């Protein structure tokens, strides 16, 4: 009656032809995250580990309100972590540490 699990994966994949297989997606993600040019440009902004700024905080509050979402962030991602330039609705200790 139903299809086997091994038959299900190709069937689902055929419905989403533009989505890369997981191994390709992970490899691409790693390539993007470790891209030296991207990391250099990110570091040149001098925003990593910067103190909070009201302009970014207004943006996250506005996004939460507009989208009726309890959490909202402006996140910078380097090759080792995610740094929250601003976050709204995060519990402690994330709200204070501002990174994962």
PDB file of N, CA and C in Angstrom:
ATOM      1  N   UNK A   1       0.813  -1.175   0.000  1.00  0.00           N
ATOM      2  CA  UNK A   1       0.000   0.000   0.000  1.00  0.00           C
ATOM      3  C   UNK A   1       0.866   1.252   0.000  1.00  0.00           C
ATOM      4  N   UNK A   2       1.712   1.490   1.002  1.00  0.00           N
ATOM      5  CA  UNK A   2       2.573   2.666   1.036  1.00  0.00           C
ATOM      6  C   UNK A   2       3.887   2.378   0.346  1.00  0.00           C
ATOM      7  N   UNK A   3       4.686   3.405   0.174  1.00  0.00           N
ATOM      8  CA  UNK A   3       5.995   3.196  -0.432  1.00  0.00           C
ATOM      9  C   UNK A   3       7.022   2.927   0.654  1.00  0.00           C
ATOM     10  N   UNK A   4       8.077   2.247   0.288  1.00  0.00           N
ATOM     11  CA  UNK A   4       9.133   1.951   1.247  1.00  0.00           C
ATOM     12  C   UNK A   4       9.933   3.217   1.515  1.00  0.00           C
ATOM     13  N   UNK A   5      10.627   3.278   2.679  1.00  0.00           N
ATOM     14  CA  UNK A   5      11.429   4.458   2.972  1.00  0.00           C
ATOM     15  C   UNK A   5      12.466   4.755   1.884  1.00  0.00           C
ATOM     16  N   UNK A   6      13.051   3.719   1.293  1.00  0.00           N
ATOM     17  CA  UNK A   6      14.054   3.955   0.257  1.00  0.00           C
ATOM     18  C   UNK A   6      13.430   4.552  -1.001  1.00  0.00           C
ATOM     19  N   UNK A   7      12.158   4.261  -1.246  1.00  0.00           N
ATOM     20  CA  UNK A   7      11.466   4.837  -2.388  1.00  0.00           C
ATOM     21  C   UNK A   7      10.925   6.231  -2.099  1.00  0.00           C
ATOM     22  N   UNK A   8      10.775   6.545  -0.828  1.00  0.00           N
ATOM     23  CA  UNK A   8      10.230   7.838  -0.440  1.00  0.00           C
ATOM     24  C   UNK A   8      11.215   8.970  -0.712  1.00  0.00           C
ATOM     25  N   UNK A   9      12.489   8.764  -0.422  1.00  0.00           N
ATOM     26  CA  UNK A   9      13.483   9.830  -0.587  1.00  0.00           C
ATOM     27  C   UNK A   9      13.575  10.288  -2.038  1.00  0.00           C
ATOM     28  N   UNK A  10      13.716   9.393  -3.025  1.00  0.00           N
ATOM     29  CA  UNK A  10      13.729   9.876  -4.408  1.00  0.00           C
ATOM     30  C   UNK A  10      12.423  10.556  -4.807  1.00  0.00           C
ATOM     31  N   UNK A  11      11.306  10.073  -4.283  1.00  0.00           N
ATOM     32  CA  UNK A  11      10.017  10.673  -4.623  1.00  0.00           C
ATOM     33  C   UNK A  11       9.941  12.099  -4.095  1.00  0.00           C
ATOM     34  N   UNK A  12      10.376  12.317  -2.863  1.00  0.00           N
ATOM     35  CA  UNK A  12      10.375  13.660  -2.283  1.00  0.00           C
ATOM     36  C   UNK A  12      11.383  14.530  -3.009  1.00  0.00           C
ATOM     37  N   UNK A  13      12.560  14.001  -3.304  1.00  0.00           N
ATOM     38  CA  UNK A  13      13.598  14.760  -4.006  1.00  0.00           C
ATOM     39  C   UNK A  13      13.107  15.202  -5.381  1.00  0.00           C
ATOM     40  N   UNK A  14      12.306  14.383  -6.032  1.00  0.00           N
ATOM     41  CA  UNK A  14      11.818  14.764  -7.359  1.00  0.00           C
ATOM     42  C   UNK A  14      10.843  15.936  -7.284  1.00  0.00           C
ATOM     43  N   UNK A  15      10.230  16.140  -6.118  1.00  0.00           N
ATOM     44  CA  UNK A  15       9.317  17.270  -5.935  1.00  0.00           C
ATOM     45  C   UNK A  15      10.076  18.582  -5.692  1.00  0.00           C
ATOM     46  N   UNK A  16      11.368  18.467  -5.313  1.00  0.00           N
ATOM     47  CA  UNK A  16      12.172  19.639  -4.997  1.00  0.00           C
ATOM     48  C   UNK A  16      13.490  19.597  -5.778  1.00  0.00           C
ATOM     49  N   UNK A  17      13.442  19.736  -7.107  1.00  0.00           N
ATOM     50  CA  UNK A  17      14.651  19.564  -7.910  1.00  0.00           C
ATOM     51  C   UNK A  17      15.717  20.630  -7.681  1.00  0.00           C
ATOM     52  N   UNK A  18      15.357  21.799  -7.161  1.00  0.00           N
ATOM     53  CA  UNK A  18      16.331  22.868  -6.973  1.00  0.00           C
ATOM     54  C   UNK A  18      17.077  22.787  -5.651  1.00  0.00           C
ATOM     55  N   UNK A  19      16.711  21.854  -4.795  1.00  0.00           N
ATOM     56  CA  UNK A  19      17.357  21.721  -3.500  1.00  0.00           C
ATOM     57  C   UNK A  19      18.487  20.707  -3.620  1.00  0.00           C
ATOM     58  N   UNK A  20      19.685  21.127  -3.210  1.00  0.00           N
ATOM     59  CA  UNK A  20      20.854  20.253  -3.302  1.00  0.00           C
ATOM     60  C   UNK A  20      20.733  19.109  -2.301  1.00  0.00           C
ATOM     61  N   UNK A  21      21.271  17.941  -2.646  1.00  0.00           N
ATOM     62  CA  UNK A  21      21.297  16.836  -1.679  1.00  0.00           C
ATOM     63  C   UNK A  21      22.051  17.274  -0.424  1.00  0.00           C
ATOM     64  N   UNK A  22      21.741  16.697   0.722  1.00  0.00           N
ATOM     65  CA  UNK A  22      22.341  17.146   1.980  1.00  0.00           C
ATOM     66  C   UNK A  22      23.863  17.240   1.963  1.00  0.00           C
ATOM     67  N   UNK A  23      24.546  16.261   1.386  1.00  0.00           N
ATOM     68  CA  UNK A  23      26.009  16.308   1.408  1.00  0.00           C
ATOM     69  C   UNK A  23      26.525  17.475   0.586  1.00  0.00           C
ATOM     70  N   UNK A  24      25.889  17.781  -0.536  1.00  0.00           N
ATOM     71  CA  UNK A  24      26.297  18.923  -1.345  1.00  0.00           C
ATOM     72  C   UNK A  24      25.986  20.231  -0.624  1.00  0.00           C
ATOM     73  N   UNK A  25      24.851  20.293   0.044  1.00  0.00           N
ATOM     74  CA  UNK A  25      24.465  21.506   0.768  1.00  0.00           C
ATOM     75  C   UNK A  25      25.439  21.779   1.909  1.00  0.00           C
ATOM     76  N   UNK A  26      25.828  20.757   2.635  1.00  0.00           N
ATOM     77  CA  UNK A  26      26.776  20.919   3.740  1.00  0.00           C
ATOM     78  C   UNK A  26      28.132  21.371   3.212  1.00  0.00           C
ATOM     79  N   UNK A  27      28.587  20.795   2.128  1.00  0.00           N
ATOM     80  CA  UNK A  27      29.870  21.195   1.538  1.00  0.00           C
ATOM     81  C   UNK A  27      29.812  22.648   1.084  1.00  0.00           C
ATOM     82  N   UNK A  28      28.714  23.043   0.470  1.00  0.00           N
ATOM     83  CA  UNK A  28      28.566  24.430   0.017  1.00  0.00           C
ATOM     84  C   UNK A  28      28.520  25.385   1.210  1.00  0.00           C
ATOM     85  N   UNK A  29      27.802  25.005   2.251  1.00  0.00           N
ATOM     86  CA  UNK A  29      27.709  25.835   3.456  1.00  0.00           C
ATOM     87  C   UNK A  29      29.090  26.050   4.059  1.00  0.00           C
ATOM     88  N   UNK A  30      29.874  24.990   4.157  1.00  0.00           N
ATOM     89  CA  UNK A  30      31.231  25.101   4.696  1.00  0.00           C
ATOM     90  C   UNK A  30      32.082  26.025   3.830  1.00  0.00           C
ATOM     91  N   UNK A  31      31.953  25.879   2.529  1.00  0.00           N
ATOM     92  CA  UNK A  31      32.709  26.720   1.590  1.00  0.00           C
ATOM     93  C   UNK A  31      32.355  28.197   1.772  1.00  0.00           C
ATOM     94  N   UNK A  32      31.084  28.490   1.928  1.00  0.00           N
ATOM     95  CA  UNK A  32      30.643  29.875   2.109  1.00  0.00           C
ATOM     96  C   UNK A  32      31.129  30.418   3.452  1.00  0.00           C
ATOM     97  N   UNK A  33      30.947  29.636   4.515  1.00  0.00           N
ATOM     98  CA  UNK A  33      31.322  30.104   5.850  1.00  0.00           C
ATOM     99  C   UNK A  33      32.818  30.333   6.007  1.00  0.00           C
ATOM    100  N   UNK A  34      33.631  29.574   5.294  1.00  0.00           N
ATOM    101  CA  UNK A  34      35.088  29.703   5.431  1.00  0.00           C
ATOM    102  C   UNK A  34      35.716  30.536   4.318  1.00  0.00           C
ATOM    103  N   UNK A  35      34.911  31.148   3.478  1.00  0.00           N
ATOM    104  CA  UNK A  35      35.422  31.951   2.378  1.00  0.00           C
ATOM    105  C   UNK A  35      36.274  33.100   2.916  1.00  0.00           C
ATOM    106  N   UNK A  36      37.573  33.150   2.575  1.00  0.00           N
ATOM    107  CA  UNK A  36      38.471  34.174   3.118  1.00  0.00           C
ATOM    108  C   UNK A  36      38.043  35.604   2.779  1.00  0.00           C
ATOM    109  N   UNK A  37      37.528  35.826   1.579  1.00  0.00           N
ATOM    110  CA  UNK A  37      37.103  37.165   1.192  1.00  0.00           C
ATOM    111  C   UNK A  37      35.915  37.617   2.039  1.00  0.00           C
ATOM    112  N   UNK A  38      34.949  36.725   2.254  1.00  0.00           N
ATOM    113  CA  UNK A  38      33.788  37.046   3.084  1.00  0.00           C
ATOM    114  C   UNK A  38      34.227  37.368   4.507  1.00  0.00           C
ATOM    115  N   UNK A  39      35.134  36.550   5.056  1.00  0.00           N
ATOM    116  CA  UNK A  39      35.584  36.764   6.422  1.00  0.00           C
ATOM    117  C   UNK A  39      36.362  38.070   6.562  1.00  0.00           C
ATOM    118  N   UNK A  40      37.182  38.396   5.582  1.00  0.00           N
ATOM    119  CA  UNK A  40      37.936  39.650   5.603  1.00  0.00           C
ATOM    120  C   UNK A  40      36.981  40.839   5.595  1.00  0.00           C
ATOM    121  N   UNK A  41      35.993  40.792   4.710  1.00  0.00           N
ATOM    122  CA  UNK A  41      35.017  41.887   4.629  1.00  0.00           C
ATOM    123  C   UNK A  41      34.222  42.013   5.932  1.00  0.00           C
ATOM    124  N   UNK A  42      33.860  40.882   6.512  1.00  0.00           N
ATOM    125  CA  UNK A  42      33.133  40.905   7.781  1.00  0.00           C
ATOM    126  C   UNK A  42      33.978  41.557   8.868  1.00  0.00           C
ATOM    127  N   UNK A  43      35.233  41.158   8.964  1.00  0.00           N
ATOM    128  CA  UNK A  43      36.111  41.726   9.995  1.00  0.00           C
ATOM    129  C   UNK A  43      36.371  43.212   9.767  1.00  0.00           C
ATOM    130  N   UNK A  44      36.415  43.633   8.518  1.00  0.00           N
ATOM    131  CA  UNK A  44      36.635  45.054   8.216  1.00  0.00           C
ATOM    132  C   UNK A  44      35.466  45.931   8.674  1.00  0.00           C
ATOM    133  N   UNK A  45      34.284  45.349   8.859  1.00  0.00           N
ATOM    134  CA  UNK A  45      33.154  46.147   9.346  1.00  0.00           C
ATOM    135  C   UNK A  45      33.362  46.575  10.796  1.00  0.00           C
ATOM    136  N   UNK A  46      34.215  45.866  11.517  1.00  0.00           N
ATOM    137  CA  UNK A  46      34.475  46.122  12.941  1.00  0.00           C
ATOM    138  C   UNK A  46      33.210  45.975  13.788  1.00  0.00           C
ATOM    139  N   UNK A  47      32.254  45.187  13.316  1.00  0.00           N
ATOM    140  CA  UNK A  47      31.017  44.982  14.064  1.00  0.00           C
ATOM    141  C   UNK A  47      31.068  43.757  14.970  1.00  0.00           C
ATOM    142  N   UNK A  48      31.952  42.800  14.686  1.00  0.00           N
ATOM    143  CA  UNK A  48      32.065  41.634  15.557  1.00  0.00           C
ATOM    144  C   UNK A  48      32.520  42.100  16.940  1.00  0.00           C
ATOM    145  N   UNK A  49      31.803  41.686  17.961  1.00  0.00           N
ATOM    146  CA  UNK A  49      32.080  42.047  19.351  1.00  0.00           C
ATOM    147  C   UNK A  49      31.863  43.532  19.654  1.00  0.00           C
ATOM    148  N   UNK A  50      31.217  44.250  18.756  1.00  0.00           N
ATOM    149  CA  UNK A  50      30.912  45.660  19.000  1.00  0.00           C
ATOM    150  C   UNK A  50      29.808  45.763  20.055  1.00  0.00           C
ATOM    151  N   UNK A  51      29.771  46.861  20.774  1.00  0.00           N
ATOM    152  CA  UNK A  51      28.665  47.051  21.715  1.00  0.00           C
ATOM    153  C   UNK A  51      27.345  47.203  20.960  1.00  0.00           C
ATOM    154  N   UNK A  52      26.271  47.045  21.694  1.00  0.00           N
ATOM    155  CA  UNK A  52      24.956  47.202  21.062  1.00  0.00           C
ATOM    156  C   UNK A  52      24.802  48.618  20.531  1.00  0.00           C
ATOM    157  N   UNK A  53      23.997  48.737  19.478  1.00  0.00           N
ATOM    158  CA  UNK A  53      23.707  50.043  18.887  1.00  0.00           C
ATOM    159  C   UNK A  53      22.195  50.179  18.764  1.00  0.00           C
ATOM    160  N   UNK A  54      21.690  51.318  19.157  1.00  0.00           N
ATOM    161  CA  UNK A  54      20.247  51.556  19.153  1.00  0.00           C
ATOM    162  C   UNK A  54      19.640  51.355  17.769  1.00  0.00           C
ATOM    163  N   UNK A  55      20.361  51.714  16.712  1.00  0.00           N
ATOM    164  CA  UNK A  55      19.822  51.561  15.348  1.00  0.00           C
ATOM    165  C   UNK A  55      19.512  50.099  15.045  1.00  0.00           C
ATOM    166  N   UNK A  56      20.400  49.191  15.418  1.00  0.00           N
ATOM    167  CA  UNK A  56      20.161  47.765  15.190  1.00  0.00           C
ATOM    168  C   UNK A  56      19.061  47.255  16.114  1.00  0.00           C
ATOM    169  N   UNK A  57      19.032  47.752  17.359  1.00  0.00           N
ATOM    170  CA  UNK A  57      17.985  47.335  18.292  1.00  0.00           C
ATOM    171  C   UNK A  57      16.599  47.773  17.808  1.00  0.00           C
ATOM    172  N   UNK A  58      16.506  48.976  17.242  1.00  0.00           N
ATOM    173  CA  UNK A  58      15.226  49.419  16.671  1.00  0.00           C
ATOM    174  C   UNK A  58      14.804  48.495  15.533  1.00  0.00           C
ATOM    175  N   UNK A  59      15.773  48.088  14.721  1.00  0.00           N
ATOM    176  CA  UNK A  59      15.486  47.201  13.594  1.00  0.00           C
ATOM    177  C   UNK A  59      14.937  45.860  14.060  1.00  0.00           C
ATOM    178  N   UNK A  60      15.547  45.254  15.067  1.00  0.00           N
ATOM    179  CA  UNK A  60      15.059  43.948  15.532  1.00  0.00           C
ATOM    180  C   UNK A  60      13.700  44.081  16.227  1.00  0.00           C
ATOM    181  N   UNK A  61      13.509  45.160  16.982  1.00  0.00           N
ATOM    182  CA  UNK A  61      12.186  45.367  17.607  1.00  0.00           C
ATOM    183  C   UNK A  61      11.112  45.549  16.544  1.00  0.00           C
ATOM    184  N   UNK A  62      11.434  46.328  15.505  1.00  0.00           N
ATOM    185  CA  UNK A  62      10.484  46.551  14.414  1.00  0.00           C
ATOM    186  C   UNK A  62      10.164  45.238  13.694  1.00  0.00           C
ATOM    187  N   UNK A  63      11.191  44.428  13.418  1.00  0.00           N
ATOM    188  CA  UNK A  63      10.980  43.142  12.735  1.00  0.00           C
ATOM    189  C   UNK A  63      10.087  42.227  13.570  1.00  0.00           C
ATOM    190  N   UNK A  64      10.343  42.163  14.870  1.00  0.00           N
ATOM    191  CA  UNK A  64       9.502  41.327  15.739  1.00  0.00           C
ATOM    192  C   UNK A  64       8.057  41.784  15.733  1.00  0.00           C
ATOM    193  N   UNK A  65       7.873  43.096  15.811  1.00  0.00           N
ATOM    194  CA  UNK A  65       6.509  43.634  15.831  1.00  0.00           C
ATOM    195  C   UNK A  65       5.814  43.416  14.493  1.00  0.00           C
ATOM    196  N   UNK A  66       6.507  43.742  13.404  1.00  0.00           N
ATOM    197  CA  UNK A  66       5.934  43.619  12.067  1.00  0.00           C
ATOM    198  C   UNK A  66       5.553  42.176  11.735  1.00  0.00           C
ATOM    199  N   UNK A  67       6.432  41.251  12.076  1.00  0.00           N
ATOM    200  CA  UNK A  67       6.210  39.843  11.744  1.00  0.00           C
ATOM    201  C   UNK A  67       5.505  39.066  12.848  1.00  0.00           C
ATOM    202  N   UNK A  68       5.213  39.743  13.948  1.00  0.00           N
ATOM    203  CA  UNK A  68       4.595  39.113  15.110  1.00  0.00           C
ATOM    204  C   UNK A  68       5.396  37.879  15.530  1.00  0.00           C
ATOM    205  N   UNK A  69       6.713  38.076  15.573  1.00  0.00           N
ATOM    206  CA  UNK A  69       7.635  37.004  15.942  1.00  0.00           C
ATOM    207  C   UNK A  69       8.234  37.309  17.315  1.00  0.00           C
ATOM    208  N   UNK A  70       8.305  36.336  18.188  1.00  0.00           N
ATOM    209  CA  UNK A  70       8.834  36.602  19.526  1.00  0.00           C
ATOM    210  C   UNK A  70      10.344  36.869  19.540  1.00  0.00           C
ATOM    211  N   UNK A  71      11.060  36.362  18.542  1.00  0.00           N
ATOM    212  CA  UNK A  71      12.512  36.538  18.473  1.00  0.00           C
ATOM    213  C   UNK A  71      12.899  37.185  17.156  1.00  0.00           C
ATOM    214  N   UNK A  72      13.923  38.025  17.224  1.00  0.00           N
ATOM    215  CA  UNK A  72      14.434  38.667  16.026  1.00  0.00           C
ATOM    216  C   UNK A  72      15.904  38.993  16.255  1.00  0.00           C
ATOM    217  N   UNK A  73      16.731  38.819  15.219  1.00  0.00           N
ATOM    218  CA  UNK A  73      18.168  39.099  15.373  1.00  0.00           C
ATOM    219  C   UNK A  73      18.739  39.766  14.132  1.00  0.00           C
ATOM    220  N   UNK A  74      19.827  40.470  14.351  1.00  0.00           N
ATOM    221  CA  UNK A  74      20.754  40.858  13.294  1.00  0.00           C
ATOM    222  C   UNK A  74      22.008  40.076  13.662  1.00  0.00           C
ATOM    223  N   UNK A  75      22.329  39.072  12.850  1.00  0.00           N
ATOM    224  CA  UNK A  75      23.371  38.124  13.191  1.00  0.00           C
ATOM    225  C   UNK A  75      24.526  38.197  12.208  1.00  0.00           C
ATOM    226  N   UNK A  76      25.734  38.247  12.738  1.00  0.00           N
ATOM    227  CA  UNK A  76      26.950  38.196  11.933  1.00  0.00           C
ATOM    228  C   UNK A  76      27.572  36.829  12.163  1.00  0.00           C
ATOM    229  N   UNK A  77      27.938  36.149  11.079  1.00  0.00           N
ATOM    230  CA  UNK A  77      28.465  34.787  11.181  1.00  0.00           C
ATOM    231  C   UNK A  77      29.891  34.768  10.654  1.00  0.00           C
ATOM    232  N   UNK A  78      30.855  34.473  11.559  1.00  0.00           N
ATOM    233  CA  UNK A  78      32.225  34.293  11.082  1.00  0.00           C
ATOM    234  C   UNK A  78      32.502  32.805  10.990  1.00  0.00           C
ATOM    235  N   UNK A  79      33.750  32.409  10.946  1.00  0.00           N
ATOM    236  CA  UNK A  79      34.059  30.995  10.759  1.00  0.00           C
ATOM    237  C   UNK A  79      34.009  30.183  12.048  1.00  0.00           C
ATOM    238  N   UNK A  80      33.750  30.838  13.195  1.00  0.00           N
ATOM    239  CA  UNK A  80      33.729  30.124  14.466  1.00  0.00           C
ATOM    240  C   UNK A  80      32.439  30.270  15.260  1.00  0.00           C
ATOM    241  N   UNK A  81      31.625  31.288  14.943  1.00  0.00           N
ATOM    242  CA  UNK A  81      30.454  31.538  15.783  1.00  0.00           C
ATOM    243  C   UNK A  81      29.447  32.441  15.089  1.00  0.00           C
ATOM    244  N   UNK A  82      28.316  32.606  15.762  1.00  0.00           N
ATOM    245  CA  UNK A  82      27.306  33.586  15.376  1.00  0.00           C
ATOM    246  C   UNK A  82      27.340  34.690  16.429  1.00  0.00           C
ATOM    247  N   UNK A  83      27.459  35.927  15.987  1.00  0.00           N
ATOM    248  CA  UNK A  83      27.464  37.062  16.897  1.00  0.00           C
ATOM    249  C   UNK A  83      26.200  37.867  16.645  1.00  0.00           C
ATOM    250  N   UNK A  84      25.427  38.096  17.697  1.00  0.00           N
ATOM    251  CA  UNK A  84      24.173  38.829  17.575  1.00  0.00           C
ATOM    252  C   UNK A  84      24.447  40.316  17.760  1.00  0.00           C
ATOM    253  N   UNK A  85      24.481  41.038  16.663  1.00  0.00           N
ATOM    254  CA  UNK A  85      24.655  42.483  16.734  1.00  0.00           C
ATOM    255  C   UNK A  85      23.487  43.095  17.487  1.00  0.00           C
ATOM    256  N   UNK A  86      22.326  42.490  17.327  1.00  0.00           N
ATOM    257  CA  UNK A  86      21.140  42.882  18.080  1.00  0.00           C
ATOM    258  C   UNK A  86      20.223  41.672  18.170  1.00  0.00           C
ATOM    259  N   UNK A  87      19.537  41.558  19.292  1.00  0.00           N
ATOM    260  CA  UNK A  87      18.552  40.480  19.430  1.00  0.00           C
ATOM    261  C   UNK A  87      17.404  40.968  20.304  1.00  0.00           C
ATOM    262  N   UNK A  88      16.220  40.573  19.918  1.00  0.00           N
ATOM    263  CA  UNK A  88      15.005  40.918  20.643  1.00  0.00           C
ATOM    264  C   UNK A  88      14.311  39.634  21.049  1.00  0.00           C
ATOM    265  N   UNK A  89      13.928  39.558  22.312  1.00  0.00           N
ATOM    266  CA  UNK A  89      13.165  38.415  22.793  1.00  0.00           C
ATOM    267  C   UNK A  89      13.995  37.218  23.230  1.00  0.00           C
ATOM    268  N   UNK A  90      15.301  37.337  23.252  1.00  0.00           N
ATOM    269  CA  UNK A  90      16.146  36.217  23.653  1.00  0.00           C
ATOM    270  C   UNK A  90      16.198  36.109  25.168  1.00  0.00           C
ATOM    271  N   UNK A  91      16.180  34.884  25.693  1.00  0.00           N
ATOM    272  CA  UNK A  91      16.323  34.707  27.141  1.00  0.00           C
ATOM    273  C   UNK A  91      17.796  34.855  27.544  1.00  0.00           C
ATOM    274  N   UNK A  92      18.008  35.006  28.815  1.00  0.00           N
ATOM    275  CA  UNK A  92      19.381  34.987  29.332  1.00  0.00           C
ATOM    276  C   UNK A  92      19.869  33.545  29.310  1.00  0.00           C
ATOM    277  N   UNK A  93      21.134  33.288  29.089  1.00  0.00           N
ATOM    278  CA  UNK A  93      22.237  34.226  28.974  1.00  0.00           C
ATOM    279  C   UNK A  93      22.482  34.731  27.547  1.00  0.00           C
ATOM    280  N   UNK A  94      21.736  34.228  26.546  1.00  0.00           N
ATOM    281  CA  UNK A  94      21.974  34.655  25.165  1.00  0.00           C
ATOM    282  C   UNK A  94      21.804  36.152  24.973  1.00  0.00           C
ATOM    283  N   UNK A  95      20.845  36.745  25.635  1.00  0.00           N
ATOM    284  CA  UNK A  95      20.596  38.177  25.469  1.00  0.00           C
ATOM    285  C   UNK A  95      21.811  38.994  25.878  1.00  0.00           C
ATOM    286  N   UNK A  96      22.581  38.500  26.854  1.00  0.00           N
ATOM    287  CA  UNK A  96      23.747  39.221  27.339  1.00  0.00           C
ATOM    288  C   UNK A  96      25.015  38.816  26.617  1.00  0.00           C
ATOM    289  N   UNK A  97      25.206  37.516  26.402  1.00  0.00           N
ATOM    290  CA  UNK A  97      26.449  37.054  25.761  1.00  0.00           C
ATOM    291  C   UNK A  97      26.469  37.381  24.282  1.00  0.00           C
ATOM    292  N   UNK A  98      25.284  37.394  23.636  1.00  0.00           N
ATOM    293  CA  UNK A  98      25.106  37.803  22.250  1.00  0.00           C
ATOM    294  C   UNK A  98      25.918  36.957  21.260  1.00  0.00           C
ATOM    295  N   UNK A  99      26.173  35.702  21.573  1.00  0.00           N
ATOM    296  CA  UNK A  99      26.871  34.832  20.626  1.00  0.00           C
ATOM    297  C   UNK A  99      26.606  33.361  20.934  1.00  0.00           C
ATOM    298  N   UNK A 100      26.782  32.547  19.902  1.00  0.00           N
ATOM    299  CA  UNK A 100      26.699  31.089  20.075  1.00  0.00           C
ATOM    300  C   UNK A 100      27.871  30.476  19.355  1.00  0.00           C
TER     301      UNK A 100
END
